[in-house]
């Protein structure tokens, strides 16, 4: 069943976005329940105010075999100009150095050039 990583609600198959907050739903295999977060097991390796940037890095880390989770503190119910929320990317403490190296590698890659037609 898909789960909203922001609201922690489960939805029926076929729904891809949370109707409450608009966040893309994740499958149970990628979802880390809040009670499993214990501060002693996770460490922040990246922060941003752009949720999509953190989610893309999380997906890349997972693809590289590093378990990662997103902790979003966005409150879409509070209308305000600008975006002062922080979105955090967390990994297990034993994977911190691998994750930091991986993120640095991604950040240092030049943008792909589009092929000329």
C-alpha atoms as a PDB file:
ATOM      1  CA  UNK A   1       0.000   0.000   0.000  1.00  0.00           C
ATOM      2  CA  UNK A   2       1.320   3.471  -0.801  1.00  0.00           C
ATOM      3  CA  UNK A   3       2.111   5.705   2.164  1.00  0.00           C
ATOM      4  CA  UNK A   4       2.579   9.476   2.470  1.00  0.00           C
ATOM      5  CA  UNK A   5       6.046  10.055   3.968  1.00  0.00           C
ATOM      6  CA  UNK A   6       4.912  13.473   5.185  1.00  0.00           C
ATOM      7  CA  UNK A   7       1.504  12.689   6.758  1.00  0.00           C
ATOM      8  CA  UNK A   8       2.206   8.988   7.495  1.00  0.00           C
ATOM      9  CA  UNK A   9      -1.192   7.900   6.098  1.00  0.00           C
ATOM     10  CA  UNK A  10      -1.742   4.779   4.011  1.00  0.00           C
ATOM     11  CA  UNK A  11      -3.740   4.889   0.780  1.00  0.00           C
ATOM     12  CA  UNK A  12      -5.225   2.325  -1.585  1.00  0.00           C
ATOM     13  CA  UNK A  13      -3.307   1.156  -4.643  1.00  0.00           C
ATOM     14  CA  UNK A  14      -3.563   3.491  -7.600  1.00  0.00           C
ATOM     15  CA  UNK A  15      -3.255   6.751  -5.664  1.00  0.00           C
ATOM     16  CA  UNK A  16       0.109   8.424  -6.319  1.00  0.00           C
ATOM     17  CA  UNK A  17      -0.187  11.778  -4.479  1.00  0.00           C
ATOM     18  CA  UNK A  18      -1.341  12.519  -0.954  1.00  0.00           C
ATOM     19  CA  UNK A  19      -4.681  14.342  -1.163  1.00  0.00           C
ATOM     20  CA  UNK A  20      -3.876  16.228   2.067  1.00  0.00           C
ATOM     21  CA  UNK A  21      -0.397  17.623   1.373  1.00  0.00           C
ATOM     22  CA  UNK A  22       0.348  16.824  -2.279  1.00  0.00           C
ATOM     23  CA  UNK A  23       3.484  14.769  -1.523  1.00  0.00           C
ATOM     24  CA  UNK A  24       4.282  11.831  -3.812  1.00  0.00           C
ATOM     25  CA  UNK A  25       3.399   8.558  -2.081  1.00  0.00           C
ATOM     26  CA  UNK A  26       6.045   5.870  -1.538  1.00  0.00           C
ATOM     27  CA  UNK A  27       5.724   2.100  -1.368  1.00  0.00           C
ATOM     28  CA  UNK A  28       6.012   0.337   1.985  1.00  0.00           C
ATOM     29  CA  UNK A  29       9.512  -0.925   1.155  1.00  0.00           C
ATOM     30  CA  UNK A  30      10.865   2.662   1.007  1.00  0.00           C
ATOM     31  CA  UNK A  31       8.814   4.018   3.909  1.00  0.00           C
ATOM     32  CA  UNK A  32      10.479   4.423   7.295  1.00  0.00           C
ATOM     33  CA  UNK A  33       7.926   4.637  10.099  1.00  0.00           C
ATOM     34  CA  UNK A  34       8.409   7.528  12.557  1.00  0.00           C
ATOM     35  CA  UNK A  35       8.787   5.119  15.480  1.00  0.00           C
ATOM     36  CA  UNK A  36      11.807   3.549  13.704  1.00  0.00           C
ATOM     37  CA  UNK A  37      13.648   6.867  13.441  1.00  0.00           C
ATOM     38  CA  UNK A  38      15.417   6.876  16.829  1.00  0.00           C
ATOM     39  CA  UNK A  39      17.985   9.661  16.901  1.00  0.00           C
ATOM     40  CA  UNK A  40      20.795   7.247  17.656  1.00  0.00           C
ATOM     41  CA  UNK A  41      20.361   5.416  14.335  1.00  0.00           C
ATOM     42  CA  UNK A  42      20.030   8.238  11.782  1.00  0.00           C
ATOM     43  CA  UNK A  43      22.064  11.272  10.832  1.00  0.00           C
ATOM     44  CA  UNK A  44      21.325  14.260   8.600  1.00  0.00           C
ATOM     45  CA  UNK A  45      23.563  14.348   5.509  1.00  0.00           C
ATOM     46  CA  UNK A  46      21.798  17.024   3.433  1.00  0.00           C
ATOM     47  CA  UNK A  47      19.247  19.804   3.938  1.00  0.00           C
ATOM     48  CA  UNK A  48      17.355  21.996   1.519  1.00  0.00           C
ATOM     49  CA  UNK A  49      14.170  23.991   1.254  1.00  0.00           C
ATOM     50  CA  UNK A  50      13.421  22.180  -2.030  1.00  0.00           C
ATOM     51  CA  UNK A  51      11.590  18.950  -1.298  1.00  0.00           C
ATOM     52  CA  UNK A  52      12.081  17.573  -4.820  1.00  0.00           C
ATOM     53  CA  UNK A  53      15.872  18.016  -4.551  1.00  0.00           C
ATOM     54  CA  UNK A  54      16.030  15.985  -1.328  1.00  0.00           C
ATOM     55  CA  UNK A  55      13.685  13.326  -2.741  1.00  0.00           C
ATOM     56  CA  UNK A  56      15.846  12.935  -5.851  1.00  0.00           C
ATOM     57  CA  UNK A  57      18.975  12.522  -3.724  1.00  0.00           C
ATOM     58  CA  UNK A  58      17.143   9.980  -1.543  1.00  0.00           C
ATOM     59  CA  UNK A  59      16.132   7.985  -4.617  1.00  0.00           C
ATOM     60  CA  UNK A  60      19.714   8.043  -5.907  1.00  0.00           C
ATOM     61  CA  UNK A  61      21.074   6.869  -2.547  1.00  0.00           C
ATOM     62  CA  UNK A  62      18.528   4.052  -2.401  1.00  0.00           C
ATOM     63  CA  UNK A  63      19.530   3.069  -5.941  1.00  0.00           C
ATOM     64  CA  UNK A  64      23.144   2.902  -4.720  1.00  0.00           C
ATOM     65  CA  UNK A  65      22.140   0.580  -1.882  1.00  0.00           C
ATOM     66  CA  UNK A  66      22.188   3.177   0.904  1.00  0.00           C
ATOM     67  CA  UNK A  67      18.998   3.308   2.970  1.00  0.00           C
ATOM     68  CA  UNK A  68      17.809   6.912   3.188  1.00  0.00           C
ATOM     69  CA  UNK A  69      14.753   8.798   4.388  1.00  0.00           C
ATOM     70  CA  UNK A  70      13.307  12.284   3.987  1.00  0.00           C
ATOM     71  CA  UNK A  71      12.119  14.313   6.954  1.00  0.00           C
ATOM     72  CA  UNK A  72      10.015  17.228   5.765  1.00  0.00           C
ATOM     73  CA  UNK A  73       8.922  20.004   8.075  1.00  0.00           C
ATOM     74  CA  UNK A  74       6.747  21.705   5.490  1.00  0.00           C
ATOM     75  CA  UNK A  75       3.365  22.927   6.643  1.00  0.00           C
ATOM     76  CA  UNK A  76       1.194  23.406   3.599  1.00  0.00           C
ATOM     77  CA  UNK A  77      -1.729  24.461   5.778  1.00  0.00           C
ATOM     78  CA  UNK A  78      -0.067  27.721   6.751  1.00  0.00           C
ATOM     79  CA  UNK A  79      -0.219  30.245   3.906  1.00  0.00           C
ATOM     80  CA  UNK A  80       2.853  32.423   3.933  1.00  0.00           C
ATOM     81  CA  UNK A  81       5.066  34.000   1.289  1.00  0.00           C
ATOM     82  CA  UNK A  82       8.417  32.331   0.754  1.00  0.00           C
ATOM     83  CA  UNK A  83       9.517  28.974   2.008  1.00  0.00           C
ATOM     84  CA  UNK A  84      11.181  28.813   5.402  1.00  0.00           C
ATOM     85  CA  UNK A  85      10.801  25.078   5.925  1.00  0.00           C
ATOM     86  CA  UNK A  86      13.704  22.669   6.005  1.00  0.00           C
ATOM     87  CA  UNK A  87      13.691  19.280   4.332  1.00  0.00           C
ATOM     88  CA  UNK A  88      16.303  16.854   5.662  1.00  0.00           C
ATOM     89  CA  UNK A  89      17.894  13.775   4.109  1.00  0.00           C
ATOM     90  CA  UNK A  90      18.850  11.152   6.679  1.00  0.00           C
ATOM     91  CA  UNK A  91      20.875   7.950   6.461  1.00  0.00           C
ATOM     92  CA  UNK A  92      21.975   5.343   8.980  1.00  0.00           C
ATOM     93  CA  UNK A  93      25.056   6.436  10.924  1.00  0.00           C
ATOM     94  CA  UNK A  94      27.193   3.657   9.455  1.00  0.00           C
ATOM     95  CA  UNK A  95      26.365   4.931   5.929  1.00  0.00           C
ATOM     96  CA  UNK A  96      27.111   8.631   6.541  1.00  0.00           C
ATOM     97  CA  UNK A  97      30.516   8.763   4.834  1.00  0.00           C
ATOM     98  CA  UNK A  98      29.336   6.704   1.853  1.00  0.00           C
ATOM     99  CA  UNK A  99      26.278   8.932   1.481  1.00  0.00           C
ATOM    100  CA  UNK A 100      28.323  12.148   1.715  1.00  0.00           C
ATOM    101  CA  UNK A 101      30.768  10.851  -0.916  1.00  0.00           C
ATOM    102  CA  UNK A 102      27.883   9.857  -3.179  1.00  0.00           C
ATOM    103  CA  UNK A 103      26.141  13.243  -2.801  1.00  0.00           C
ATOM    104  CA  UNK A 104      29.428  15.075  -3.470  1.00  0.00           C
ATOM    105  CA  UNK A 105      29.931  12.984  -6.620  1.00  0.00           C
ATOM    106  CA  UNK A 106      26.422  13.832  -7.857  1.00  0.00           C
ATOM    107  CA  UNK A 107      26.814  17.541  -7.078  1.00  0.00           C
ATOM    108  CA  UNK A 108      30.145  17.747  -8.951  1.00  0.00           C
ATOM    109  CA  UNK A 109      28.890  16.166 -12.168  1.00  0.00           C
ATOM    110  CA  UNK A 110      28.480  18.590 -15.045  1.00  0.00           C
ATOM    111  CA  UNK A 111      24.955  18.958 -16.406  1.00  0.00           C
ATOM    112  CA  UNK A 112      24.172  16.669 -19.309  1.00  0.00           C
ATOM    113  CA  UNK A 113      24.225  18.343 -22.698  1.00  0.00           C
ATOM    114  CA  UNK A 114      21.200  17.861 -24.909  1.00  0.00           C
ATOM    115  CA  UNK A 115      21.908  16.194 -28.211  1.00  0.00           C
ATOM    116  CA  UNK A 116      21.776  18.463 -31.226  1.00  0.00           C
ATOM    117  CA  UNK A 117      19.172  17.568 -33.813  1.00  0.00           C
END
